[in-house]
N, C-alpha and C. Protein backbone atom coordinates (compact mmCIF):
# COMPACT_ATOMS: atom_id res chain seq x y z
N MET A 1 0.71 -1.52 0.14
CA MET A 1 0.32 -0.36 0.50
C MET A 1 0.55 0.89 0.21
N LYS A 2 2.09 1.04 0.75
CA LYS A 2 3.12 2.18 0.29
C LYS A 2 2.67 3.26 -1.07
N ALA A 3 3.13 2.41 -2.37
CA ALA A 3 2.80 3.19 -3.51
C ALA A 3 1.97 3.90 -3.82
N ILE A 4 0.75 4.93 -3.15
CA ILE A 4 -0.48 5.16 -3.79
C ILE A 4 -0.72 5.68 -2.46
N LYS A 5 0.16 5.73 -1.71
CA LYS A 5 -0.20 7.45 -0.83
C LYS A 5 -0.25 8.57 -1.22
N ASN A 6 -1.24 9.89 -0.90
CA ASN A 6 -1.28 10.85 -1.87
C ASN A 6 -0.28 10.94 -3.01
N LYS A 7 -1.80 10.19 -3.75
CA LYS A 7 -1.03 10.31 -5.07
C LYS A 7 -3.58 10.45 -5.50
N VAL A 8 -2.97 10.51 -7.37
CA VAL A 8 -4.16 11.82 -6.91
C VAL A 8 -4.04 12.15 -9.25
N GLN A 9 -5.90 11.16 -9.53
CA GLN A 9 -5.52 10.86 -10.98
C GLN A 9 -6.77 12.38 -10.96
N LEU A 10 -7.19 12.77 -12.49
CA LEU A 10 -8.00 13.73 -12.61
C LEU A 10 -7.52 13.21 -14.39
N ILE A 11 -9.34 13.78 -14.67
CA ILE A 11 -9.64 14.36 -16.11
C ILE A 11 -10.55 15.29 -15.85
N GLY A 12 -10.08 16.39 -17.05
CA GLY A 12 -10.18 17.35 -16.76
C GLY A 12 -9.35 18.23 -18.57
N HIS A 13 -10.15 19.41 -18.81
CA HIS A 13 -9.15 20.25 -19.66
C HIS A 13 -8.70 21.78 -18.64
N LEU A 14 -7.68 21.72 -20.12
CA LEU A 14 -6.69 22.90 -19.99
C LEU A 14 -7.76 24.23 -19.59
N GLY A 15 -7.81 25.06 -18.85
CA GLY A 15 -8.50 26.08 -18.31
C GLY A 15 -7.80 27.92 -18.93
N ALA A 16 -6.63 26.98 -19.20
CA ALA A 16 -6.01 28.61 -20.48
C ALA A 16 -4.24 27.65 -20.74
N ASP A 17 -3.58 28.26 -21.31
CA ASP A 17 -2.94 27.78 -21.56
C ASP A 17 -1.20 28.10 -21.02
N PRO A 18 -0.18 27.15 -20.92
CA PRO A 18 0.32 26.30 -18.92
C PRO A 18 1.53 28.24 -19.54
N GLU A 19 1.83 27.77 -18.71
CA GLU A 19 2.83 29.07 -18.59
C GLU A 19 3.91 28.39 -18.38
N ILE A 20 5.42 29.16 -18.68
CA ILE A 20 6.43 28.40 -18.28
C ILE A 20 7.06 28.97 -18.25
N LYS A 21 8.36 28.51 -17.08
CA LYS A 21 9.34 29.43 -17.33
C LYS A 21 10.45 28.66 -16.77
N ILE A 22 11.73 29.32 -17.22
CA ILE A 22 13.07 28.66 -17.49
C ILE A 22 13.90 29.36 -16.42
N PHE A 23 14.28 28.62 -15.54
CA PHE A 23 15.82 28.43 -14.83
C PHE A 23 16.47 27.35 -14.96
N LYS A 24 17.50 28.55 -14.60
CA LYS A 24 18.89 28.59 -14.58
C LYS A 24 19.96 26.56 -14.81
N GLU A 25 20.73 25.93 -16.11
CA GLU A 25 20.61 24.96 -15.59
C GLU A 25 19.50 24.02 -16.59
N ASN A 26 18.54 24.88 -17.51
CA ASN A 26 18.02 24.26 -18.81
C ASN A 26 16.78 23.55 -17.53
N ASN A 27 16.65 23.96 -16.83
CA ASN A 27 15.26 24.09 -16.22
C ASN A 27 14.45 23.95 -15.97
N GLN A 28 12.91 23.26 -15.59
CA GLN A 28 11.83 24.36 -16.74
C GLN A 28 10.49 24.26 -15.74
N LEU A 29 9.26 24.66 -15.29
CA LEU A 29 8.37 24.30 -14.88
C LEU A 29 6.90 24.68 -16.09
N ALA A 30 6.10 24.12 -15.99
CA ALA A 30 5.08 24.69 -15.98
C ALA A 30 3.79 24.27 -15.41
N ASN A 31 3.46 26.00 -15.29
CA ASN A 31 1.79 25.69 -14.73
C ASN A 31 1.04 26.22 -15.53
N MET A 32 -0.16 25.31 -14.50
CA MET A 32 -1.75 24.81 -15.23
C MET A 32 -2.67 25.20 -14.58
N ARG A 33 -4.38 25.52 -14.73
CA ARG A 33 -4.70 25.58 -14.23
C ARG A 33 -6.37 24.85 -15.66
N LEU A 34 -6.25 23.32 -14.37
CA LEU A 34 -7.29 22.09 -14.90
C LEU A 34 -8.71 22.44 -14.28
N ALA A 35 -9.47 22.01 -15.15
CA ALA A 35 -11.49 22.03 -15.09
C ALA A 35 -11.38 21.23 -14.98
N VAL A 36 -11.78 20.55 -13.71
CA VAL A 36 -13.23 19.37 -14.12
C VAL A 36 -14.28 19.50 -13.63
N ASN A 37 -15.40 18.57 -14.59
CA ASN A 37 -16.25 18.96 -14.14
C ASN A 37 -17.06 17.76 -13.71
N ASP A 38 -18.47 18.11 -13.17
CA ASP A 38 -19.09 17.38 -11.63
C ASP A 38 -20.56 17.16 -12.42
N ARG A 39 -21.35 15.92 -12.28
CA ARG A 39 -22.43 15.62 -12.07
C ARG A 39 -23.27 15.24 -11.77
N TYR A 40 -24.65 15.73 -10.54
CA TYR A 40 -24.76 15.14 -9.70
C TYR A 40 -25.86 15.52 -9.80
N LYS A 41 -27.56 14.72 -9.07
CA LYS A 41 -28.63 14.62 -8.82
C LYS A 41 -28.62 15.40 -7.37
N ASN A 42 -29.37 16.77 -7.18
CA ASN A 42 -29.77 16.61 -6.41
C ASN A 42 -30.18 16.34 -5.84
N ALA A 43 -31.35 17.08 -4.10
CA ALA A 43 -31.86 16.26 -3.63
C ALA A 43 -33.76 16.45 -3.96
N LYS A 44 -33.32 17.33 -4.24
CA LYS A 44 -34.76 17.31 -5.68
C LYS A 44 -35.00 17.03 -6.77
N GLY A 45 -33.66 15.73 -6.83
CA GLY A 45 -33.90 15.50 -8.33
C GLY A 45 -32.97 16.07 -9.06
N GLU A 46 -32.84 16.78 -9.16
CA GLU A 46 -32.81 18.22 -10.18
C GLU A 46 -31.28 17.56 -11.00
N TRP A 47 -30.71 17.57 -12.24
CA TRP A 47 -29.10 17.69 -11.79
C TRP A 47 -28.71 19.35 -12.01
N VAL A 48 -27.08 18.93 -11.56
CA VAL A 48 -26.24 19.98 -11.38
C VAL A 48 -25.15 20.01 -12.06
N GLU A 49 -24.57 20.57 -12.86
CA GLU A 49 -23.88 21.18 -12.53
C GLU A 49 -22.66 21.60 -12.06
N GLU A 50 -20.95 20.78 -11.65
CA GLU A 50 -20.57 21.60 -11.31
C GLU A 50 -18.77 21.56 -11.52
N THR A 51 -18.29 22.99 -12.04
CA THR A 51 -17.15 22.65 -12.17
C THR A 51 -15.83 23.32 -11.11
N GLN A 52 -14.56 22.40 -10.80
CA GLN A 52 -13.91 22.54 -9.83
C GLN A 52 -12.18 22.75 -10.13
N TRP A 53 -11.95 23.53 -9.72
CA TRP A 53 -10.45 24.07 -10.20
C TRP A 53 -9.53 23.26 -9.95
N PHE A 54 -8.34 23.85 -10.79
CA PHE A 54 -7.20 21.89 -9.54
C PHE A 54 -5.66 23.21 -10.43
N ASN A 55 -4.17 23.35 -9.63
CA ASN A 55 -3.85 23.83 -9.78
C ASN A 55 -2.69 22.36 -9.83
N LEU A 56 -1.96 22.52 -11.54
CA LEU A 56 -0.88 22.15 -10.94
C LEU A 56 0.03 21.91 -11.56
N VAL A 57 1.79 20.92 -11.72
CA VAL A 57 2.19 22.27 -11.68
C VAL A 57 3.03 20.84 -12.03
N ALA A 58 3.91 21.22 -13.56
CA ALA A 58 5.27 19.53 -13.43
C ALA A 58 6.20 20.48 -13.93
N TRP A 59 7.81 19.00 -14.19
CA TRP A 59 8.51 20.06 -14.28
C TRP A 59 9.77 19.75 -15.00
N SER A 60 10.29 19.93 -14.84
CA SER A 60 11.87 19.18 -15.95
C SER A 60 11.17 18.52 -17.39
N LYS A 61 11.01 17.66 -18.12
CA LYS A 61 10.91 16.83 -18.78
C LYS A 61 9.26 16.72 -19.69
N LEU A 62 9.23 16.55 -18.36
CA LEU A 62 7.58 17.46 -18.31
C LEU A 62 6.92 18.28 -18.78
N ALA A 63 7.62 19.58 -18.55
CA ALA A 63 7.18 20.45 -18.88
C ALA A 63 7.37 21.09 -20.22
N GLN A 64 9.12 20.51 -20.60
CA GLN A 64 9.00 20.70 -21.59
C GLN A 64 8.14 19.66 -22.36
N TYR A 65 7.03 18.18 -22.24
CA TYR A 65 6.05 17.90 -23.26
C TYR A 65 4.95 18.75 -23.12
N VAL A 66 4.88 19.40 -22.08
CA VAL A 66 3.44 20.96 -21.03
C VAL A 66 4.33 21.92 -22.85
N GLU A 67 5.20 22.39 -23.14
CA GLU A 67 5.18 23.94 -23.96
C GLU A 67 4.72 23.66 -25.58
N LYS A 68 5.89 22.04 -25.78
CA LYS A 68 5.31 21.87 -26.61
C LYS A 68 3.56 21.20 -27.46
N TYR A 69 3.02 20.28 -26.37
CA TYR A 69 1.51 20.02 -27.23
C TYR A 69 1.07 20.67 -26.27
N LEU A 70 0.80 21.33 -25.31
CA LEU A 70 -1.46 21.39 -24.53
C LEU A 70 -1.65 22.95 -24.71
N VAL A 71 -2.89 23.07 -25.02
CA VAL A 71 -2.95 24.06 -24.91
C VAL A 71 -4.66 24.23 -24.31
N LYS A 72 -4.63 25.84 -24.05
CA LYS A 72 -5.68 25.71 -24.11
C LYS A 72 -6.78 24.49 -24.22
N GLY A 73 -7.91 24.30 -23.38
CA GLY A 73 -8.98 23.27 -23.62
C GLY A 73 -9.14 21.56 -23.92
N ILE A 74 -8.28 21.50 -24.01
CA ILE A 74 -7.25 20.88 -24.42
C ILE A 74 -7.36 19.69 -23.11
N GLU A 75 -8.32 18.41 -23.84
CA GLU A 75 -8.77 17.05 -22.21
C GLU A 75 -7.43 16.46 -22.45
N VAL A 76 -7.16 15.88 -21.09
CA VAL A 76 -6.02 15.30 -20.11
C VAL A 76 -6.18 14.49 -19.25
N ALA A 77 -5.41 14.03 -19.05
CA ALA A 77 -5.61 13.27 -17.76
C ALA A 77 -3.71 13.08 -16.90
N VAL A 78 -4.36 13.26 -16.11
CA VAL A 78 -3.53 13.67 -15.70
C VAL A 78 -2.84 12.12 -13.51
N GLU A 79 -2.13 12.80 -13.35
CA GLU A 79 -1.65 11.69 -12.24
C GLU A 79 -0.92 12.82 -11.43
N GLY A 80 -0.85 12.25 -10.02
CA GLY A 80 0.43 13.52 -9.33
C GLY A 80 0.03 12.83 -8.09
N ARG A 81 1.23 13.86 -7.61
CA ARG A 81 0.84 14.50 -4.99
C ARG A 81 0.34 15.05 -5.94
N LEU A 82 -0.43 15.74 -4.34
CA LEU A 82 -1.16 16.52 -3.88
C LEU A 82 0.31 17.44 -3.15
N LEU A 83 0.95 18.46 -3.03
CA LEU A 83 1.65 19.85 -2.03
C LEU A 83 0.88 21.35 -1.53
N THR A 84 0.63 21.05 -0.31
CA THR A 84 -0.22 21.32 0.26
C THR A 84 0.15 22.30 1.04
N LYS A 85 0.68 24.47 0.66
CA LYS A 85 1.44 25.55 1.04
C LYS A 85 0.58 26.42 1.73
N SER A 86 1.70 27.42 2.39
CA SER A 86 1.11 28.11 3.37
C SER A 86 1.37 29.95 3.13
N TYR A 87 1.37 30.52 2.95
CA TYR A 87 1.84 31.49 2.73
C TYR A 87 1.38 32.66 3.36
N THR A 88 1.56 34.31 3.10
CA THR A 88 0.88 35.52 4.08
C THR A 88 0.82 36.48 3.33
N ASP A 89 -0.57 36.96 2.37
CA ASP A 89 -1.07 37.27 1.22
C ASP A 89 -0.10 39.03 1.42
N LYS A 90 0.10 40.17 0.42
CA LYS A 90 0.78 41.14 0.14
C LYS A 90 -0.23 42.22 1.19
N ASN A 91 -1.52 41.17 1.63
CA ASN A 91 -2.33 42.08 3.05
C ASN A 91 -2.00 41.14 4.12
N ALA A 92 -1.62 40.79 4.35
CA ALA A 92 -0.94 40.34 5.25
C ALA A 92 -2.58 39.17 6.17
N VAL A 93 -2.74 38.85 5.05
CA VAL A 93 -3.63 37.39 5.23
C VAL A 93 -3.11 36.23 4.90
N LYS A 94 -3.47 35.04 6.30
CA LYS A 94 -2.71 33.49 5.84
C LYS A 94 -4.00 32.79 4.82
N ARG A 95 -2.89 32.78 3.52
CA ARG A 95 -3.45 31.80 3.11
C ARG A 95 -2.97 30.49 2.74
N VAL A 96 -3.60 29.62 1.95
CA VAL A 96 -3.45 28.46 2.24
C VAL A 96 -3.30 27.95 -0.01
N SER A 97 -2.98 26.69 0.51
CA SER A 97 -2.70 26.54 -1.93
C SER A 97 -2.43 24.91 -1.64
N THR A 98 -3.22 23.85 -2.02
CA THR A 98 -2.49 22.97 -2.74
C THR A 98 -2.77 22.62 -3.90
N ASP A 99 -1.15 22.08 -5.00
CA ASP A 99 -0.74 21.79 -6.16
C ASP A 99 -1.22 20.68 -6.49
N ILE A 100 -1.29 20.20 -7.23
CA ILE A 100 -0.78 18.44 -8.03
C ILE A 100 0.55 19.02 -8.99
N ILE A 101 1.70 18.03 -8.34
CA ILE A 101 2.94 18.07 -8.42
C ILE A 101 2.30 16.40 -9.41
N VAL A 102 2.18 16.84 -10.85
CA VAL A 102 1.43 16.04 -12.21
C VAL A 102 3.53 15.87 -12.49
N SER A 103 3.14 13.69 -12.35
CA SER A 103 3.84 13.42 -12.33
C SER A 103 4.61 12.28 -14.28
N GLU A 104 2.64 12.43 -13.98
CA GLU A 104 2.33 11.45 -15.95
C GLU A 104 1.64 12.31 -15.93
N ILE A 105 1.02 12.32 -18.02
CA ILE A 105 0.13 13.28 -18.15
C ILE A 105 -0.21 12.81 -20.31
N LEU A 106 -1.62 12.36 -20.15
CA LEU A 106 -1.65 11.50 -21.67
C LEU A 106 -3.16 12.68 -21.97
N ILE A 107 -2.78 13.05 -22.81
CA ILE A 107 -3.67 13.96 -24.19
C ILE A 107 -5.06 13.01 -24.55
N LEU A 108 -6.23 13.78 -23.53
CA LEU A 108 -7.56 12.51 -24.35
C LEU A 108 -7.70 13.40 -25.33
N SER A 109 -7.70 14.40 -26.39
CA SER A 109 -8.40 14.76 -26.62
C SER A 109 -8.15 14.17 -27.86
N LYS A 110 -8.78 14.34 -28.72
CA LYS A 110 -8.79 13.54 -30.56
C LYS A 110 -7.10 14.96 -31.06
N LYS A 111 -6.73 13.93 -32.26
CA LYS A 111 -5.64 15.12 -32.42
C LYS A 111 -5.94 16.77 -33.49
N ASN A 112 -7.31 16.31 -33.82
CA ASN A 112 -7.82 17.24 -34.69
C ASN A 112 -8.37 18.29 -33.85
N ALA A 113 -7.96 18.01 -32.99
CA ALA A 113 -8.82 18.72 -31.57
C ALA A 113 -7.71 19.65 -31.20
N VAL A 114 -6.81 19.85 -31.69
CA VAL A 114 -5.13 19.94 -30.78
C VAL A 114 -4.63 21.25 -31.70
N THR A 115 -4.28 22.40 -31.30
CA THR A 115 -4.08 23.28 -32.45
C THR A 115 -2.20 23.81 -31.99
N LYS A 116 -1.47 22.92 -31.31
CA LYS A 116 -0.05 23.27 -31.79
C LYS A 116 -0.35 21.38 -32.15
N GLU A 117 1.16 21.91 -33.26
CA GLU A 117 1.32 20.26 -34.28
C GLU A 117 1.41 19.75 -33.01
N LEU A 118 1.04 18.27 -34.05
CA LEU A 118 1.85 17.38 -32.64
C LEU A 118 3.45 16.68 -33.97
N VAL A 119 4.29 16.67 -33.11
CA VAL A 119 5.50 16.32 -34.03
C VAL A 119 5.26 14.65 -33.82
């Protein structure tokens, strides 16, 4: 059971083009926002649609892959681990943020739905 601690898998659509940052020694970081839609019946029996947003972070070669192939709107499956950070904002309010550190990404959109050229 050790291998399934702190593991998350999600399927959703990117809400914007990934933001890429390059650091020295060719280390690269990709930040993305993932929208995951859910549909369920409420107590009245009505269908309710709900969207949850997740922060995704990819490093190194995975970030290079993200930069090359992923764009806003593309459907992806991601696997990774949760990382929670606390910080104080500019108004001195303590905030908590949870990111998903991505270890795997799979493109689910059809090839013709991708606007970047797949090489």
